[in-house]
PDB file of all heavy atoms in Angstrom:
ATOM      1  N   ALA A   1      87.376  50.120  88.743  1.00  0.00           N
ATOM      2  CA  ALA A   1      85.989  50.042  89.242  1.00  0.00           C
ATOM      3  C   ALA A   1      85.923  50.059  90.763  1.00  0.00           C
ATOM      4  O   ALA A   1      85.049  50.697  91.368  1.00  0.00           O
ATOM      5  CB  ALA A   1      85.332  48.786  88.683  1.00  0.00           C
ATOM      6  N   GLU A   2      86.829  49.302  91.413  1.00  0.00           N
ATOM      7  CA  GLU A   2      86.800  49.222  92.867  1.00  0.00           C
ATOM      8  C   GLU A   2      87.008  50.610  93.509  1.00  0.00           C
ATOM      9  O   GLU A   2      86.364  50.962  94.485  1.00  0.00           O
ATOM     10  CB  GLU A   2      87.888  48.260  93.363  1.00  0.00           C
ATOM     11  CG  GLU A   2      87.747  46.860  92.841  1.00  0.00           C
ATOM     12  CD  GLU A   2      88.548  46.585  91.571  1.00  0.00           C
ATOM     13  OE1 GLU A   2      88.618  47.505  90.718  1.00  0.00           O
ATOM     14  OE2 GLU A   2      89.126  45.501  91.439  1.00  0.00           O
ATOM     15  N   VAL A   3      87.954  51.375  92.945  1.00  0.00           N
ATOM     16  CA  VAL A   3      88.222  52.704  93.481  1.00  0.00           C
ATOM     17  C   VAL A   3      87.046  53.636  93.299  1.00  0.00           C
ATOM     18  O   VAL A   3      86.690  54.414  94.186  1.00  0.00           O
ATOM     19  CB  VAL A   3      89.498  53.275  92.838  1.00  0.00           C
ATOM     20  CG1 VAL A   3      89.732  54.717  93.252  1.00  0.00           C
ATOM     21  CG2 VAL A   3      90.701  52.417  93.212  1.00  0.00           C
ATOM     22  N   VAL A   4      86.398  53.576  92.143  1.00  0.00           N
ATOM     23  CA  VAL A   4      85.218  54.400  91.873  1.00  0.00           C
ATOM     24  C   VAL A   4      84.125  54.085  92.895  1.00  0.00           C
ATOM     25  O   VAL A   4      83.495  54.993  93.481  1.00  0.00           O
ATOM     26  CB  VAL A   4      84.693  54.165  90.434  1.00  0.00           C
ATOM     27  CG1 VAL A   4      83.388  54.927  90.224  1.00  0.00           C
ATOM     28  CG2 VAL A   4      85.727  54.602  89.410  1.00  0.00           C
ATOM     29  N   ALA A   5      83.921  52.792  93.138  1.00  0.00           N
ATOM     30  CA  ALA A   5      82.894  52.384  94.100  1.00  0.00           C
ATOM     31  C   ALA A   5      83.247  52.815  95.513  1.00  0.00           C
ATOM     32  O   ALA A   5      82.397  53.263  96.282  1.00  0.00           O
ATOM     33  CB  ALA A   5      82.698  50.879  94.030  1.00  0.00           C
ATOM     34  N   LEU A   6      84.530  52.693  95.880  1.00  0.00           N
ATOM     35  CA  LEU A   6      84.960  53.106  97.217  1.00  0.00           C
ATOM     36  C   LEU A   6      84.782  54.616  97.443  1.00  0.00           C
ATOM     37  O   LEU A   6      84.387  55.028  98.531  1.00  0.00           O
ATOM     38  CB  LEU A   6      86.435  52.723  97.434  1.00  0.00           C
ATOM     39  CG  LEU A   6      86.716  51.239  97.669  1.00  0.00           C
ATOM     40  CD1 LEU A   6      88.211  50.978  97.652  1.00  0.00           C
ATOM     41  CD2 LEU A   6      86.096  50.755  98.972  1.00  0.00           C
ATOM     42  N   ARG A   7      85.073  55.384  96.423  1.00  0.00           N
ATOM     43  CA  ARG A   7      84.884  56.833  96.550  1.00  0.00           C
ATOM     44  C   ARG A   7      83.438  57.204  96.837  1.00  0.00           C
ATOM     45  O   ARG A   7      83.153  58.098  97.633  1.00  0.00           O
ATOM     46  CB  ARG A   7      85.366  57.541  95.273  1.00  0.00           C
ATOM     47  CG  ARG A   7      86.891  57.542  95.095  1.00  0.00           C
ATOM     48  CD  ARG A   7      87.266  58.096  93.737  1.00  0.00           C
ATOM     49  NE  ARG A   7      88.706  58.067  93.535  1.00  0.00           N
ATOM     50  CZ  ARG A   7      89.291  58.278  92.353  1.00  0.00           C
ATOM     51  NH1 ARG A   7      88.534  58.522  91.267  1.00  0.00           N
ATOM     52  NH2 ARG A   7      90.594  58.255  92.251  1.00  0.00           N
ATOM     53  N   LYS A   8      82.511  56.487  96.174  1.00  0.00           N
ATOM     54  CA  LYS A   8      81.097  56.748  96.380  1.00  0.00           C
ATOM     55  C   LYS A   8      80.640  56.266  97.750  1.00  0.00           C
ATOM     56  O   LYS A   8      79.766  56.882  98.395  1.00  0.00           O
ATOM     57  CB  LYS A   8      80.249  56.098  95.289  1.00  0.00           C
ATOM     58  CG  LYS A   8      80.481  56.713  93.928  1.00  0.00           C
ATOM     59  CD  LYS A   8      79.642  56.026  92.861  1.00  0.00           C
ATOM     60  CE  LYS A   8      79.852  56.660  91.483  1.00  0.00           C
ATOM     61  NZ  LYS A   8      79.055  55.972  90.427  1.00  0.00           N
ATOM     62  N   ALA A   9      81.205  55.157  98.222  1.00  0.00           N
ATOM     63  CA  ALA A   9      80.790  54.572  99.493  1.00  0.00           C
ATOM     64  C   ALA A   9      81.317  55.376 100.677  1.00  0.00           C
ATOM     65  O   ALA A   9      80.653  55.494 101.710  1.00  0.00           O
ATOM     66  CB  ALA A   9      81.269  53.129  99.583  1.00  0.00           C
ATOM     67  N   GLY A  10      82.535  55.908 100.554  1.00  0.00           N
ATOM     68  CA  GLY A  10      83.127  56.656 101.662  1.00  0.00           C
ATOM     69  C   GLY A  10      83.311  55.765 102.875  1.00  0.00           C
ATOM     70  O   GLY A  10      83.713  54.600 102.783  1.00  0.00           O
ATOM     71  N   THR A  11      82.989  56.298 104.059  1.00  0.00           N
ATOM     72  CA  THR A  11      83.173  55.528 105.312  1.00  0.00           C
ATOM     73  C   THR A  11      82.232  54.361 105.430  1.00  0.00           C
ATOM     74  O   THR A  11      82.454  53.460 106.242  1.00  0.00           O
ATOM     75  CB  THR A  11      82.992  56.488 106.507  1.00  0.00           C
ATOM     76  OG1 THR A  11      81.677  57.066 106.470  1.00  0.00           O
ATOM     77  CG2 THR A  11      84.027  57.580 106.497  1.00  0.00           C
ATOM     78  N   ARG A  12      81.171  54.333 104.623  1.00  0.00           N
ATOM     79  CA  ARG A  12      80.233  53.228 104.681  1.00  0.00           C
ATOM     80  C   ARG A  12      80.812  51.929 104.115  1.00  0.00           C
ATOM     81  O   ARG A  12      80.178  50.870 104.238  1.00  0.00           O
ATOM     82  CB  ARG A  12      78.918  53.600 103.958  1.00  0.00           C
ATOM     83  CG  ARG A  12      78.126  54.709 104.650  1.00  0.00           C
ATOM     84  CD  ARG A  12      76.876  55.063 103.882  1.00  0.00           C
ATOM     85  NE  ARG A  12      77.181  55.635 102.568  1.00  0.00           N
ATOM     86  CZ  ARG A  12      76.262  55.961 101.654  1.00  0.00           C
ATOM     87  NH1 ARG A  12      74.986  55.717 101.913  1.00  0.00           N
ATOM     88  NH2 ARG A  12      76.636  56.496 100.512  1.00  0.00           N
ATOM     89  N   ALA A  13      81.988  52.006 103.505  1.00  0.00           N
ATOM     90  CA  ALA A  13      82.623  50.803 102.985  1.00  0.00           C
ATOM     91  C   ALA A  13      83.167  49.920 104.103  1.00  0.00           C
ATOM     92  O   ALA A  13      83.381  48.732 103.916  1.00  0.00           O
ATOM     93  CB  ALA A  13      83.754  51.195 102.022  1.00  0.00           C
ATOM     94  N   ARG A  14      83.398  50.504 105.297  1.00  0.00           N
ATOM     95  CA  ARG A  14      83.981  49.708 106.391  1.00  0.00           C
ATOM     96  C   ARG A  14      83.014  48.601 106.820  1.00  0.00           C
ATOM     97  O   ARG A  14      81.844  48.870 107.133  1.00  0.00           O
ATOM     98  CB  ARG A  14      84.294  50.629 107.584  1.00  0.00           C
ATOM     99  CG  ARG A  14      85.101  49.925 108.677  1.00  0.00           C
ATOM    100  CD  ARG A  14      85.820  50.932 109.549  1.00  0.00           C
ATOM    101  NE  ARG A  14      86.779  51.727 108.808  1.00  0.00           N
ATOM    102  CZ  ARG A  14      88.015  51.316 108.481  1.00  0.00           C
ATOM    103  NH1 ARG A  14      88.422  50.117 108.852  1.00  0.00           N
ATOM    104  NH2 ARG A  14      88.804  52.103 107.807  1.00  0.00           N
ATOM    105  N   GLY A  15      83.507  47.371 106.776  1.00  0.00           N
ATOM    106  CA  GLY A  15      82.695  46.223 107.144  1.00  0.00           C
ATOM    107  C   GLY A  15      81.753  45.739 106.052  1.00  0.00           C
ATOM    108  O   GLY A  15      80.972  44.801 106.263  1.00  0.00           O
ATOM    109  N   ALA A  16      81.828  46.332 104.852  1.00  0.00           N
ATOM    110  CA  ALA A  16      80.921  45.996 103.753  1.00  0.00           C
ATOM    111  C   ALA A  16      81.468  44.876 102.866  1.00  0.00           C
ATOM    112  O   ALA A  16      82.590  44.413 103.033  1.00  0.00           O
ATOM    113  CB  ALA A  16      80.639  47.248 102.907  1.00  0.00           C
ATOM    114  N   THR A  17      80.633  44.448 101.936  1.00  0.00           N
ATOM    115  CA  THR A  17      80.999  43.426 100.961  1.00  0.00           C
ATOM    116  C   THR A  17      81.152  44.055  99.595  1.00  0.00           C
ATOM    117  O   THR A  17      80.317  44.865  99.166  1.00  0.00           O
ATOM    118  CB  THR A  17      79.932  42.316 100.889  1.00  0.00           C
ATOM    119  OG1 THR A  17      79.856  41.632 102.131  1.00  0.00           O
ATOM    120  CG2 THR A  17      80.248  41.306  99.784  1.00  0.00           C
ATOM    121  N   LEU A  18      82.212  43.709  98.902  1.00  0.00           N
ATOM    122  CA  LEU A  18      82.470  44.167  97.524  1.00  0.00           C
ATOM    123  C   LEU A  18      82.214  43.020  96.555  1.00  0.00           C
ATOM    124  O   LEU A  18      82.690  41.916  96.764  1.00  0.00           O
ATOM    125  CB  LEU A  18      83.907  44.651  97.372  1.00  0.00           C
ATOM    126  CG  LEU A  18      84.345  44.916  95.913  1.00  0.00           C
ATOM    127  CD1 LEU A  18      83.847  46.271  95.447  1.00  0.00           C
ATOM    128  CD2 LEU A  18      85.861  44.817  95.752  1.00  0.00           C
ATOM    129  N   TYR A  19      81.458  43.334  95.507  1.00  0.00           N
ATOM    130  CA  TYR A  19      81.239  42.372  94.409  1.00  0.00           C
ATOM    131  C   TYR A  19      81.942  42.904  93.188  1.00  0.00           C
ATOM    132  O   TYR A  19      81.726  44.074  92.792  1.00  0.00           O
ATOM    133  CB  TYR A  19      79.726  42.206  94.116  1.00  0.00           C
ATOM    134  CG  TYR A  19      78.969  41.647  95.281  1.00  0.00           C
ATOM    135  CD1 TYR A  19      78.463  42.478  96.284  1.00  0.00           C
ATOM    136  CD2 TYR A  19      78.740  40.277  95.403  1.00  0.00           C
ATOM    137  CE1 TYR A  19      77.759  41.974  97.364  1.00  0.00           C
ATOM    138  CE2 TYR A  19      78.052  39.770  96.485  1.00  0.00           C
ATOM    139  CZ  TYR A  19      77.565  40.610  97.474  1.00  0.00           C
ATOM    140  OH  TYR A  19      76.872  40.100  98.531  1.00  0.00           O
ATOM    141  N   VAL A  20      82.781  42.105  92.536  1.00  0.00           N
ATOM    142  CA  VAL A  20      83.533  42.556  91.388  1.00  0.00           C
ATOM    143  C   VAL A  20      83.711  41.386  90.419  1.00  0.00           C
ATOM    144  O   VAL A  20      83.904  40.247  90.859  1.00  0.00           O
ATOM    145  CB  VAL A  20      84.893  43.154  91.832  1.00  0.00           C
ATOM    146  CG1 VAL A  20      85.790  42.088  92.495  1.00  0.00           C
ATOM    147  CG2 VAL A  20      85.621  43.831  90.689  1.00  0.00           C
ATOM    148  N   ASN A  21      83.615  41.666  89.112  1.00  0.00           N
ATOM    149  CA  ASN A  21      83.659  40.577  88.151  1.00  0.00           C
ATOM    150  C   ASN A  21      85.063  40.090  87.815  1.00  0.00           C
ATOM    151  O   ASN A  21      85.214  39.090  87.134  1.00  0.00           O
ATOM    152  CB  ASN A  21      82.933  40.973  86.850  1.00  0.00           C
ATOM    153  CG  ASN A  21      83.538  42.164  86.178  1.00  0.00           C
ATOM    154  OD1 ASN A  21      83.448  43.285  86.669  1.00  0.00           O
ATOM    155  ND2 ASN A  21      84.147  41.958  85.005  1.00  0.00           N
ATOM    156  N   LEU A  22      86.107  40.795  88.290  1.00  0.00           N
ATOM    157  CA  LEU A  22      87.474  40.387  88.025  1.00  0.00           C
ATOM    158  C   LEU A  22      88.314  40.654  89.256  1.00  0.00           C
ATOM    159  O   LEU A  22      88.109  41.654  89.980  1.00  0.00           O
ATOM    160  CB  LEU A  22      88.053  41.153  86.822  1.00  0.00           C
ATOM    161  CG  LEU A  22      89.387  40.674  86.293  1.00  0.00           C
ATOM    162  CD1 LEU A  22      89.227  39.315  85.578  1.00  0.00           C
ATOM    163  CD2 LEU A  22      89.992  41.686  85.318  1.00  0.00           C
ATOM    164  N   GLU A  23      89.242  39.766  89.509  1.00  0.00           N
ATOM    165  CA  GLU A  23      90.151  39.890  90.658  1.00  0.00           C
ATOM    166  C   GLU A  23      90.779  41.261  90.752  1.00  0.00           C
ATOM    167  O   GLU A  23      91.338  41.784  89.780  1.00  0.00           O
ATOM    168  CB  GLU A  23      91.247  38.835  90.534  1.00  0.00           C
ATOM    169  CG  GLU A  23      92.310  38.917  91.588  1.00  0.00           C
ATOM    170  CD  GLU A  23      93.421  37.899  91.364  1.00  0.00           C
ATOM    171  OE1 GLU A  23      93.408  37.220  90.317  1.00  0.00           O
ATOM    172  OE2 GLU A  23      94.293  37.778  92.242  1.00  0.00           O
ATOM    173  N   PRO A  24      90.720  41.910  91.930  1.00  0.00           N
ATOM    174  CA  PRO A  24      91.363  43.209  92.107  1.00  0.00           C
ATOM    175  C   PRO A  24      92.884  43.131  91.925  1.00  0.00           C
ATOM    176  O   PRO A  24      93.507  42.124  92.310  1.00  0.00           O
ATOM    177  CB  PRO A  24      91.014  43.604  93.546  1.00  0.00           C
ATOM    178  CG  PRO A  24      89.777  42.820  93.862  1.00  0.00           C
ATOM    179  CD  PRO A  24      89.948  41.513  93.122  1.00  0.00           C
ATOM    180  N   CYS A  25      93.457  44.146  91.321  1.00  0.00           N
ATOM    181  CA  CYS A  25      94.892  44.138  91.061  1.00  0.00           C
ATOM    182  C   CYS A  25      95.664  44.419  92.340  1.00  0.00           C
ATOM    183  O   CYS A  25      95.201  45.128  93.239  1.00  0.00           O
ATOM    184  CB  CYS A  25      95.256  45.156  89.981  1.00  0.00           C
ATOM    185  SG  CYS A  25      94.945  46.872  90.442  1.00  0.00           S
ATOM    186  N   ALA A  26      96.901  43.879  92.414  1.00  0.00           N
ATOM    187  CA  ALA A  26      97.758  44.075  93.569  1.00  0.00           C
ATOM    188  C   ALA A  26      99.072  44.756  93.188  1.00  0.00           C
ATOM    189  O   ALA A  26     100.012  44.791  93.957  1.00  0.00           O
ATOM    190  CB  ALA A  26      98.034  42.748  94.255  1.00  0.00           C
ATOM    191  N   HIS A  27      99.114  45.299  91.974  1.00  0.00           N
ATOM    192  CA  HIS A  27     100.354  45.944  91.499  1.00  0.00           C
ATOM    193  C   HIS A  27     100.054  47.382  91.103  1.00  0.00           C
ATOM    194  O   HIS A  27      98.894  47.787  90.899  1.00  0.00           O
ATOM    195  CB  HIS A  27     100.927  45.184  90.306  1.00  0.00           C
ATOM    196  CG  HIS A  27     100.073  45.229  89.100  1.00  0.00           C
ATOM    197  ND1 HIS A  27      98.915  44.502  88.974  1.00  0.00           N
ATOM    198  CD2 HIS A  27     100.171  45.944  87.931  1.00  0.00           C
ATOM    199  CE1 HIS A  27      98.345  44.759  87.802  1.00  0.00           C
ATOM    200  NE2 HIS A  27      99.093  45.627  87.159  1.00  0.00           N
ATOM    201  N   THR A  28     101.105  48.161  90.922  1.00  0.00           N
ATOM    202  CA  THR A  28     100.940  49.547  90.492  1.00  0.00           C
ATOM    203  C   THR A  28     101.202  49.636  88.995  1.00  0.00           C
ATOM    204  O   THR A  28     102.259  49.250  88.509  1.00  0.00           O
ATOM    205  CB  THR A  28     101.942  50.458  91.238  1.00  0.00           C
ATOM    206  OG1 THR A  28     101.660  50.398  92.628  1.00  0.00           O
ATOM    207  CG2 THR A  28     101.808  51.900  90.772  1.00  0.00           C
ATOM    208  N   GLY A  29     100.198  50.108  88.276  1.00  0.00           N
ATOM    209  CA  GLY A  29     100.347  50.344  86.845  1.00  0.00           C
ATOM    210  C   GLY A  29     100.138  51.810  86.613  1.00  0.00           C
ATOM    211  O   GLY A  29     100.805  52.663  87.192  1.00  0.00           O
ATOM    212  N   ARG A  30      99.173  52.146  85.725  1.00  0.00           N
ATOM    213  CA  ARG A  30      98.816  53.550  85.546  1.00  0.00           C
ATOM    214  C   ARG A  30      98.052  54.084  86.753  1.00  0.00           C
ATOM    215  O   ARG A  30      97.947  55.287  86.958  1.00  0.00           O
ATOM    216  CB  ARG A  30      97.981  53.712  84.266  1.00  0.00           C
ATOM    217  CG  ARG A  30      98.823  53.586  83.015  1.00  0.00           C
ATOM    218  CD  ARG A  30      98.074  54.103  81.810  1.00  0.00           C
ATOM    219  NE  ARG A  30      97.588  53.010  80.971  1.00  0.00           N
ATOM    220  CZ  ARG A  30      97.004  53.178  79.797  1.00  0.00           C
ATOM    221  NH1 ARG A  30      96.786  54.406  79.343  1.00  0.00           N
ATOM    222  NH2 ARG A  30      96.610  52.172  79.093  1.00  0.00           N
ATOM    223  N   THR A  31      97.531  53.160  87.538  1.00  0.00           N
ATOM    224  CA  THR A  31      96.851  53.521  88.796  1.00  0.00           C
ATOM    225  C   THR A  31      97.404  52.643  89.895  1.00  0.00           C
ATOM    226  O   THR A  31      98.123  51.670  89.652  1.00  0.00           O
ATOM    227  CB  THR A  31      95.334  53.308  88.687  1.00  0.00           C
ATOM    228  OG1 THR A  31      95.069  51.920  88.428  1.00  0.00           O
ATOM    229  CG2 THR A  31      94.716  54.153  87.571  1.00  0.00           C
ATOM    230  N   GLY A  32      97.092  52.981  91.154  1.00  0.00           N
ATOM    231  CA  GLY A  32      97.611  52.208  92.261  1.00  0.00           C
ATOM    232  C   GLY A  32      96.894  50.884  92.441  1.00  0.00           C
ATOM    233  O   GLY A  32      95.869  50.610  91.800  1.00  0.00           O
TER     234      GLY A  32
END
């Protein structure tokens, strides 16, 4: 979800706030 949202935000993500219902992952699985 975070990556999908970042792709839509583009450069406007810089300095922004992200709301997410589950902790973002820090490991590499099927995705980065």
